[in-house]
Protein backbone atom coordinates (compact mmCIF):
# COMPACT_ATOMS: atom_id res chain seq x y z
CA MET A 1 -8.07 45.30 105.80
CA GLY A 2 -7.44 41.78 107.03
CA HIS A 3 -9.34 38.53 107.29
CA ILE A 4 -9.41 36.27 110.36
CA GLY A 5 -11.75 33.31 110.02
CA LYS A 6 -15.10 34.78 109.00
CA ARG A 7 -14.26 38.18 110.43
CA ILE A 8 -13.20 41.08 108.24
CA GLY A 9 -11.77 44.20 109.79
CA LYS A 10 -8.89 46.61 110.12
CA SER A 11 -5.79 45.90 112.16
CA GLN A 12 -5.29 47.77 115.41
CA ASN A 13 -2.77 50.23 114.05
CA THR A 14 -4.88 51.30 111.05
CA ALA A 15 -8.39 51.30 112.54
CA THR A 16 -10.40 54.13 114.00
CA ASP A 17 -13.09 53.93 116.63
CA THR A 18 -16.29 54.08 114.58
CA GLY A 19 -18.65 52.74 117.22
CA ASN A 20 -20.00 50.05 114.88
CA GLY A 21 -17.55 47.29 115.67
CA GLU A 22 -15.20 48.00 112.78
CA GLY A 23 -12.53 49.60 114.92
CA GLY A 24 -9.39 47.83 116.05
CA GLY A 25 -9.11 45.90 119.28
CA ILE A 26 -6.88 43.67 121.32
CA LEU A 27 -5.65 40.75 119.19
CA ASP A 28 -4.65 37.36 120.49
CA ILE A 29 -1.13 36.06 119.73
CA PHE A 30 -2.21 34.23 116.57
CA SER A 31 -4.08 37.25 115.18
CA ASN A 32 -1.27 39.61 116.10
CA GLY A 33 1.24 37.44 114.24
CA TYR A 34 -1.08 37.31 111.24
CA PHE A 35 -1.22 41.06 110.91
CA GLN A 36 2.54 41.36 111.40
CA ARG A 37 3.00 39.09 108.40
CA GLU A 38 0.51 41.16 106.43
CA GLY A 39 2.71 44.21 107.06
CA ASN A 40 0.03 46.18 108.91
CA ILE A 41 1.87 46.61 112.20
CA TYR A 42 5.65 46.45 112.00
CA ASN A 43 6.49 47.10 108.38
CA HIS A 44 5.59 50.75 108.48
CA THR A 45 7.74 53.68 107.28
CA GLY A 46 9.70 54.16 110.48
CA ARG A 47 11.09 50.64 110.32
CA ARG A 48 12.11 50.58 106.67
CA SER A 49 15.69 49.45 106.14
CA GLY A 50 18.51 51.36 104.50
CA LEU A 51 20.66 49.80 101.82
CA GLU A 52 23.66 47.71 102.86
CA ALA A 53 27.01 48.15 101.13
CA SER A 54 30.74 47.56 101.48
CA GLY A 55 33.91 49.23 100.26
CA GLY A 56 36.38 51.82 101.51
CA THR A 57 36.54 52.86 105.15
CA VAL A 58 33.05 52.75 106.68
CA THR A 59 31.88 55.11 109.44
CA ASN A 60 28.47 56.05 110.86
CA TYR A 61 27.15 59.22 112.46
CA THR A 62 23.92 60.92 113.46
CA ALA A 63 23.42 64.44 112.12
CA ALA A 64 21.97 67.35 114.09
CA ASP A 65 18.54 66.70 112.54
CA SER A 66 18.69 63.08 113.87
CA THR A 67 19.28 61.59 110.41
CA ASN A 68 21.55 58.54 110.54
CA TYR A 69 24.24 58.38 107.87
CA ARG A 70 26.68 55.72 106.77
CA VAL A 71 29.83 56.96 105.01
CA HIS A 72 32.26 55.08 102.73
CA THR A 73 35.60 56.88 102.25
CA PHE A 74 37.95 55.76 99.46
CA THR A 75 41.56 56.97 99.40
CA SER A 76 42.59 54.18 97.01
CA SER A 77 40.76 52.60 94.09
CA GLY A 78 38.20 49.92 94.87
CA THR A 79 34.54 48.94 94.56
CA PHE A 80 31.39 50.25 96.21
CA GLN A 81 29.38 47.05 96.52
CA VAL A 82 25.65 47.22 97.24
CA THR A 83 24.99 43.90 98.98
CA LYS A 84 21.36 44.48 99.91
CA PRO A 85 19.12 47.23 98.52
CA GLY A 86 17.00 49.01 101.11
CA THR A 87 13.39 50.08 101.34
CA LEU A 88 14.29 53.39 102.99
CA ASP A 89 16.05 54.89 99.97
CA ASN A 90 18.34 53.67 97.20
CA THR A 91 20.09 56.96 96.45
CA VAL A 92 23.54 58.04 97.61
CA GLU A 93 25.25 61.39 97.96
CA TYR A 94 28.83 61.64 96.76
CA LEU A 95 31.97 63.76 96.79
CA VAL A 96 34.39 62.95 93.95
CA VAL A 97 37.73 64.81 93.96
CA ALA A 98 40.44 64.23 91.35
CA GLY A 99 44.20 64.35 91.88
CA GLY A 100 45.76 67.82 92.10
CA GLY A 101 48.17 69.24 89.52
CA GLY A 102 51.89 69.47 90.21
CA GLY A 103 53.64 72.78 90.84
CA SER A 104 56.36 73.79 88.39
CA GLY A 105 60.02 73.46 89.18
CA THR A 106 61.63 76.47 87.50
CA ALA A 107 64.63 77.82 89.40
CA TYR A 108 63.37 81.41 89.47
CA VAL A 109 59.61 81.53 89.04
CA ALA A 110 57.48 78.46 89.79
CA SER A 111 53.71 78.53 89.49
CA GLY A 112 51.27 76.55 91.62
CA GLY A 113 49.34 73.49 90.49
CA GLY A 114 45.55 73.56 90.37
CA GLY A 115 43.34 71.60 92.72
CA GLY A 116 41.65 68.44 91.45
CA GLY A 117 38.18 68.66 89.97
CA TYR A 118 35.52 68.73 92.69
CA ARG A 119 32.02 67.30 92.14
CA SER A 120 29.48 66.97 94.95
CA SER A 121 25.82 66.09 95.38
CA VAL A 122 25.68 66.75 99.13
CA SER A 123 22.49 68.56 100.07
CA GLY A 124 23.07 72.16 101.14
CA GLU A 125 26.63 72.26 99.78
CA SER A 126 28.12 73.08 96.37
CA SER A 127 30.28 71.63 93.64
CA GLY A 128 33.49 73.28 92.45
CA GLY A 129 33.69 76.47 90.44
CA GLY A 130 30.69 77.98 92.21
CA ALA A 131 28.25 75.39 90.84
CA SER A 132 25.28 74.08 92.80
CA ALA A 133 25.30 70.57 94.20
CA GLU A 134 24.62 67.89 91.60
CA THR A 135 21.81 65.33 91.56
CA VAL A 136 22.15 62.38 93.93
CA LEU A 137 23.00 59.04 92.34
CA SER A 138 20.44 56.23 92.25
CA VAL A 139 21.90 52.79 92.81
CA SER A 140 20.35 49.55 91.63
CA SER A 141 17.28 48.04 93.30
CA THR A 142 19.22 44.76 93.19
CA PRO A 143 22.74 44.01 94.50
CA GLY A 144 25.44 45.49 92.28
CA SER A 145 28.95 46.94 92.19
CA TYR A 146 30.20 50.43 91.28
CA THR A 147 33.80 51.17 90.35
CA VAL A 148 35.75 53.74 92.36
CA THR A 149 38.99 55.11 90.86
CA ILE A 150 41.21 57.46 92.85
CA GLY A 151 43.31 59.83 90.75
CA GLY A 152 46.94 60.39 91.70
CA GLY A 153 48.53 63.82 92.02
CA GLY A 154 50.50 65.19 89.08
CA ALA A 155 54.29 65.38 89.17
CA LEU A 156 56.14 68.62 88.40
CA SER A 157 54.13 70.73 85.93
CA THR A 158 51.84 67.83 84.99
CA ASN A 159 48.13 67.37 85.52
CA GLY A 160 46.61 65.17 88.18
CA SER A 161 44.62 62.08 87.18
CA PRO A 162 40.81 61.83 87.17
CA SER A 163 38.79 60.28 89.97
CA VAL A 164 35.67 58.25 89.15
CA PHE A 165 32.64 56.92 91.01
CA ALA A 166 30.18 54.99 88.81
CA THR A 167 29.18 57.54 86.12
CA ILE A 168 30.71 60.54 87.91
CA THR A 169 34.15 61.67 86.69
CA SER A 170 36.20 64.57 88.08
CA THR A 171 39.02 66.07 86.01
CA GLY A 172 42.60 66.13 87.29
CA GLY A 173 43.99 69.50 88.40
CA GLY A 174 46.11 71.49 85.94
CA GLY A 175 49.89 71.54 86.30
CA GLY A 176 51.69 74.82 86.95
CA ARG A 177 53.60 76.36 84.02
CA SER A 178 57.33 75.76 84.25
CA SER A 179 58.47 78.57 81.91
CA ASN A 180 56.89 81.20 79.68
CA GLY A 181 53.27 80.31 79.04
CA THR A 182 49.75 79.67 80.21
CA GLY A 183 49.09 77.30 83.07
CA ASN A 184 47.63 73.90 82.23
CA PRO A 185 43.83 73.60 82.15
CA GLY A 186 42.29 71.05 84.51
CA GLY A 187 39.68 70.54 87.21
CA SER A 188 41.14 73.77 88.56
CA GLY A 189 43.76 75.46 86.40
CA GLY A 190 47.49 75.69 87.04
CA GLY A 191 49.20 79.07 87.43
CA GLY A 192 50.82 80.91 84.52
CA SER A 193 54.46 81.97 84.44
CA VAL A 194 56.78 84.47 82.72
CA PHE A 195 60.36 83.26 82.98
CA ASP A 196 62.10 86.16 81.22
CA GLY A 197 61.26 89.30 79.30
CA SER A 198 57.98 91.03 80.05
CA GLY A 199 54.29 90.32 79.66
CA VAL A 200 51.44 88.42 81.25
CA ASN A 201 50.57 84.76 80.81
CA PRO A 202 47.16 83.65 82.16
CA GLY A 203 46.51 80.69 84.37
CA GLY A 204 44.91 77.55 83.00
CA THR A 205 41.12 77.30 82.89
CA GLY A 206 39.08 75.23 85.33
CA ALA A 207 36.50 72.65 84.25
CA THR A 208 32.89 73.84 84.40
CA GLY A 209 31.25 72.86 87.67
CA GLN A 210 34.53 71.57 89.10
CA GLY A 211 36.98 74.39 89.76
CA TYR A 212 38.41 77.85 89.07
CA PRO A 213 41.26 79.08 86.85
CA GLY A 214 44.84 79.55 87.96
CA GLY A 215 46.36 82.98 88.47
CA ALA A 216 48.36 84.80 85.79
CA GLY A 217 52.15 85.11 85.81
CA ALA A 218 53.58 88.56 85.15
CA SER A 219 56.91 90.24 84.48
CA ASN A 220 58.10 93.67 83.31
CA ASP A 221 61.84 93.09 83.62
CA ASN A 222 64.29 90.74 85.23
CA ASN A 223 63.62 92.26 88.65
CA TYR A 224 59.86 91.75 88.52
CA ARG A 225 58.80 88.20 87.83
CA VAL A 226 56.00 86.54 89.75
CA ALA A 227 54.22 83.28 88.90
CA GLY A 228 50.50 82.72 89.40
CA GLY A 229 48.95 80.61 92.11
CA GLY A 230 47.04 77.46 91.20
CA GLY A 231 43.25 77.61 91.09
CA GLY A 232 41.13 75.90 93.72
CA ALA A 233 37.68 74.36 93.71
CA GLY A 234 36.39 77.34 95.73
CA SER A 235 38.26 80.33 94.25
CA ALA A 236 40.73 81.32 91.55
CA GLY A 237 44.48 81.40 92.02
CA THR A 238 45.94 84.85 92.66
CA ASP A 239 47.64 86.73 89.82
CA GLY A 240 51.33 87.48 90.21
CA ALA A 241 51.45 91.16 91.18
CA SER A 242 54.10 91.91 93.77
CA PRO A 243 57.83 91.27 93.28
CA ASN A 244 58.20 91.09 97.06
CA ALA A 245 55.78 88.27 97.79
CA GLY A 246 54.78 84.88 96.50
CA THR A 247 51.31 84.27 95.12
CA PRO A 248 48.58 82.43 97.08
CA GLY A 249 46.69 79.50 95.59
CA GLY A 250 42.90 79.47 95.42
CA ASP A 251 40.91 77.96 98.26
CA GLY A 252 39.17 74.61 98.01
CA VAL A 253 35.55 73.87 98.92
CA GLN A 254 34.43 72.97 102.42
CA SER A 255 32.32 69.85 102.94
CA SER A 256 30.75 68.15 105.97
CA ILE A 257 29.91 64.89 104.21
CA THR A 258 31.82 62.96 106.90
CA ASN A 259 30.34 65.08 109.75
CA THR A 260 33.64 66.97 110.01
CA SER A 261 33.95 70.24 108.07
CA THR A 262 36.95 69.85 105.75
CA TYR A 263 38.44 71.74 102.79
CA PHE A 264 39.24 69.80 99.63
CA ALA A 265 40.99 70.66 96.34
CA GLY A 266 42.81 73.92 97.10
CA GLY A 267 45.49 75.33 94.77
CA GLY A 268 49.26 75.51 95.20
CA GLY A 269 51.15 78.77 95.81
CA GLY A 270 53.29 80.54 93.19
CA LYS A 271 56.81 81.87 93.58
CA ASN A 272 58.61 85.10 92.71
CA ASN A 273 62.17 85.49 91.51
CA GLY A 274 63.21 86.34 95.07
CA ASN A 275 62.33 82.77 96.11
CA SER A 276 59.30 83.79 98.15
CA VAL A 277 56.55 81.17 97.86
CA GLY A 278 52.87 82.02 98.20
CA SER A 279 50.61 80.23 100.64
CA LEU A 280 48.60 77.18 99.72
CA GLY A 281 44.88 77.65 99.28
CA GLN A 282 42.80 75.98 101.99
CA GLY A 283 42.82 72.28 101.18
CA GLY A 284 45.92 72.65 98.96
CA GLY A 285 49.17 70.75 98.83
CA PRO A 286 50.21 67.09 98.57
CA THR A 287 49.83 66.35 102.27
CA ALA A 288 46.56 68.23 102.77
CA ASN A 289 43.11 66.94 101.99
CA GLY A 290 42.07 65.23 98.78
CA GLY A 291 43.06 66.76 95.47
CA GLY A 292 45.26 69.65 96.63
CA GLY A 293 47.43 71.36 93.99
CA GLY A 294 51.20 71.23 94.41
CA SER A 295 53.23 74.33 95.28
CA VAL A 296 56.56 74.98 93.52
CA ASN A 297 58.44 71.65 93.39
CA ASN A 298 55.67 69.57 94.97
CA THR A 299 53.49 66.98 93.36
CA GLY A 300 49.76 67.38 93.70
CA GLY A 301 47.70 65.63 96.34
CA SER A 302 45.85 62.38 95.59
CA GLY A 303 42.11 62.44 95.01
CA ILE A 304 39.37 61.09 97.24
CA VAL A 305 35.85 59.67 96.86
CA ILE A 306 33.31 59.79 99.68
CA ILE A 307 29.83 58.23 99.52
CA ARG A 308 27.02 58.86 102.02
CA TYR A 309 23.49 57.50 102.47
CA GLU A 310 20.80 57.23 105.12
CA TYR A 311 20.46 54.04 107.11
CA ASN A 312 18.50 52.64 110.02
CA PRO A 313 20.75 51.45 112.88
């Protein structure tokens, strides 16, 4: 309801034709401007503004449902800076992937490194280890900054480093075992290995809601020694079972947060004593997508943080 002089009535966009003179009508320029300032014409839901922010590499896209998204991709540490809160929504979706674990470097049997911990709040997708997507993150209703830390990949047999966005931390992938023993625990676990003798050594465990365990290493004599593959965010590393083949790493998780479907945080492949190396899991390896576990003598892949929110162009 607005007031113009001694007249009281509804603006044109909110009125209905009641037949008693209370409905809306054609306004002159002064009256039209008055109601604009009152927020009754132009400041409606469809024209609300999204938040404005800086940091990382910024891209925009329009999804199939016509939602407009702005994406900030961080491949190195930095700051997500909210410069102007919006009236559309002040929540963001995120994908936080830690650095992958390094594969082991044993001359005969090398196990794969685990993929970096994978945490996601993207609607319709999942986090690592089979977990559902997490809750979106609310940012401040006033300008503010949020720290982004990108975890590096682990060197030989060592764990990757954590990645962080605001209060969200993903655990570095577990390193592959370099001799007799269990793979390192991590975001996803590193593969186990049996260097000599006989027996089975399990892969390292994955962090809850972030990744799967690594595969077990097995041996029954000097002619049968196979290391386990590193675990991935989407599936476990394969157990060492065949003396004639290397051991595949676990697959990562697929995400379309950037509008391109991509695998992240796969595990590295394990090796047998015949020098056959198993395949990387999808999204695995130091040169693949964020947080891949290293295979054999490779370091793990670096982590990645991706932030997405709705905006009005």
